[in-house]
Amino acid sequence: MSLSPSTPANPAHDGTLDAVLAAAPQDTTRLVELLAQEFEVLKKRDMAGFEAVQDERNQLLERLAQVARWAAAQETVPVQWQNLQAQLQQCKQDHLRNMQLLQRQLQAVQGALQALQGESAATVDLYDRLGQVSRRHKASPYFDA
């Protein structure tokens, strides 16, 4: 049994359902690794390193989405796919964490640009050295003036 003809086969897989489903655990494990690597390069603000992981990450996501679409269309979801759900949920959480970090870094850059341009910059929440969101509120009413 093969996947639908409208879905391009990846050269790393022979395009059969069995091959793609069999590769899903390795793809999921690799996605976990890439998301951790992505987080590390984002913490270092290494945009070249960030962009270097994007192609492989997107390929893995496409293959896993392909299996997910197929599994959702089945009357009974294959056990192999069900066994990956916890790991895929963790991938989703890791992706949201990375996206949040990237957005916060973008806000910090925008705030710096506004300050350089003489505009009033809104307060920006940054991560502290423990990776937690540091919410710095105005410590004094003198900042209102």
Protein backbone atom coordinates (compact mmCIF):
# COMPACT_ATOMS: atom_id res chain seq x y z
CA MET A 1 0.00 0.00 0.00
CA SER A 2 1.46 3.38 -0.92
CA LEU A 3 0.76 6.96 0.00
CA SER A 4 -1.35 9.11 -2.26
CA PRO A 5 0.29 10.02 -5.58
CA SER A 6 -0.12 13.74 -4.83
CA THR A 7 2.32 13.43 -1.93
CA PRO A 8 5.92 13.48 -3.17
CA ALA A 9 8.12 10.69 -1.89
CA ASN A 10 11.22 11.70 -0.02
CA PRO A 11 14.47 10.25 -1.35
CA ALA A 12 15.33 8.98 2.12
CA HIS A 13 12.23 6.77 2.05
CA ASP A 14 10.95 4.53 -0.69
CA GLY A 15 7.49 6.16 -0.55
CA THR A 16 5.59 3.16 0.80
CA LEU A 17 3.46 3.54 3.86
CA ASP A 18 5.43 0.88 5.69
CA ALA A 19 8.71 2.68 5.05
CA VAL A 20 7.41 6.10 6.08
CA LEU A 21 5.69 4.70 9.16
CA ALA A 22 8.80 2.69 10.06
CA ALA A 23 10.93 5.84 9.75
CA ALA A 24 8.58 7.93 11.91
CA PRO A 25 10.27 7.02 15.24
CA GLN A 26 13.71 7.99 13.87
CA ASP A 27 12.24 11.15 12.34
CA THR A 28 10.61 12.05 15.65
CA THR A 29 13.84 11.46 17.58
CA ARG A 30 15.76 13.59 15.09
CA LEU A 31 13.12 16.33 15.38
CA VAL A 32 13.60 16.36 19.16
CA GLU A 33 17.36 16.76 18.61
CA LEU A 34 16.89 19.54 16.06
CA LEU A 35 14.50 21.48 18.29
CA ALA A 36 17.02 21.29 21.15
CA GLN A 37 19.77 22.44 18.78
CA GLU A 38 17.52 25.23 17.52
CA PHE A 39 16.93 26.40 21.11
CA GLU A 40 20.66 26.48 21.83
CA VAL A 41 21.47 28.55 18.74
CA LEU A 42 18.57 30.89 19.51
CA LYS A 43 19.90 31.40 23.04
CA LYS A 44 23.25 32.37 21.49
CA ARG A 45 21.45 34.55 18.92
CA ASP A 46 23.25 32.60 16.19
CA MET A 47 20.94 33.22 13.24
CA ALA A 48 23.21 31.35 10.80
CA GLY A 49 22.99 28.28 13.02
CA PHE A 50 19.24 28.75 13.33
CA GLU A 51 18.79 28.87 9.57
CA ALA A 52 21.06 25.84 9.13
CA VAL A 53 18.58 23.59 10.97
CA GLN A 54 15.47 24.84 9.20
CA ASP A 55 15.67 22.75 6.02
CA GLU A 56 16.08 19.44 7.80
CA ARG A 57 13.46 20.35 10.40
CA ASN A 58 10.95 21.26 7.69
CA GLN A 59 11.60 18.00 5.83
CA LEU A 60 11.03 16.00 9.00
CA LEU A 61 7.85 17.90 9.74
CA GLU A 62 6.54 17.27 6.24
CA ARG A 63 7.21 13.53 6.50
CA LEU A 64 5.59 13.35 9.92
CA ALA A 65 2.61 15.40 8.72
CA GLN A 66 2.26 12.97 5.83
CA VAL A 67 2.03 10.04 8.26
CA ALA A 68 -0.33 12.00 10.52
CA ARG A 69 -2.72 12.69 7.63
CA TRP A 70 -2.67 9.04 6.66
CA ALA A 71 -3.13 7.83 10.27
CA ALA A 72 -6.06 10.20 10.82
CA ALA A 73 -7.82 8.75 7.77
CA GLN A 74 -7.53 5.18 9.09
CA GLU A 75 -10.31 3.48 10.96
CA THR A 76 -7.81 2.40 13.61
CA VAL A 77 -4.69 4.44 14.12
CA PRO A 78 -1.55 2.26 13.84
CA VAL A 79 0.05 1.40 17.17
CA GLN A 80 3.44 2.64 15.92
CA TRP A 81 1.92 6.10 15.39
CA GLN A 82 0.07 6.07 18.72
CA ASN A 83 3.35 5.29 20.49
CA LEU A 84 4.90 8.49 19.10
CA GLN A 85 2.20 10.86 20.35
CA ALA A 86 3.87 11.76 23.67
CA GLN A 87 7.17 12.51 21.92
CA LEU A 88 5.36 14.55 19.25
CA GLN A 89 3.57 16.56 21.95
CA GLN A 90 6.95 17.32 23.49
CA CYS A 91 8.16 18.45 20.05
CA LYS A 92 5.19 20.78 19.85
CA GLN A 93 6.02 22.26 23.27
CA ASP A 94 9.68 22.65 22.32
CA HIS A 95 8.70 24.39 19.09
CA LEU A 96 6.42 26.80 20.99
CA ARG A 97 9.28 27.51 23.44
CA ASN A 98 11.65 28.26 20.54
CA MET A 99 9.07 30.45 18.85
CA GLN A 100 8.51 32.40 22.07
CA LEU A 101 12.25 32.93 22.53
CA LEU A 102 12.59 34.12 18.94
CA GLN A 103 9.68 36.54 19.38
CA ARG A 104 11.16 37.92 22.60
CA GLN A 105 14.51 38.44 20.89
CA LEU A 106 12.75 40.24 18.06
CA GLN A 107 10.98 42.46 20.58
CA ALA A 108 14.31 43.27 22.24
CA VAL A 109 15.85 44.23 18.88
CA GLN A 110 12.81 46.35 18.03
CA GLY A 111 13.06 48.03 21.43
CA ALA A 112 16.75 48.79 20.85
CA LEU A 113 16.00 50.21 17.41
CA GLN A 114 13.27 52.39 18.85
CA ALA A 115 15.64 53.64 21.54
CA LEU A 116 18.30 54.43 18.93
CA GLN A 117 15.73 56.31 16.89
CA GLY A 118 14.69 58.30 19.96
CA GLU A 119 11.24 56.78 20.16
CA SER A 120 9.68 55.75 23.43
CA ALA A 121 10.30 52.01 23.67
CA ALA A 122 7.83 49.77 25.44
CA THR A 123 9.24 47.57 28.16
CA VAL A 124 10.50 44.26 26.85
CA ASP A 125 10.45 41.00 28.80
CA LEU A 126 13.70 39.10 28.46
CA TYR A 127 14.88 35.73 29.68
CA ASP A 128 17.10 35.69 32.73
CA ARG A 129 20.17 33.46 32.96
CA LEU A 130 18.03 30.53 34.14
CA GLY A 131 15.91 30.64 30.98
CA GLN A 132 12.90 32.02 32.81
CA VAL A 133 10.96 35.06 31.65
CA SER A 134 12.16 38.09 33.56
CA ARG A 135 9.34 40.54 34.02
CA ARG A 136 10.79 43.84 35.02
CA HIS A 137 8.13 46.18 36.18
CA LYS A 138 8.77 49.82 36.90
CA ALA A 139 10.49 49.92 40.24
CA SER A 140 9.77 53.56 40.85
CA PRO A 141 7.08 56.07 39.93
CA TYR A 142 9.91 58.33 38.72
CA PHE A 143 9.97 56.35 35.49
CA ASP A 144 6.48 57.67 34.69
CA ALA A 145 7.75 61.22 34.33
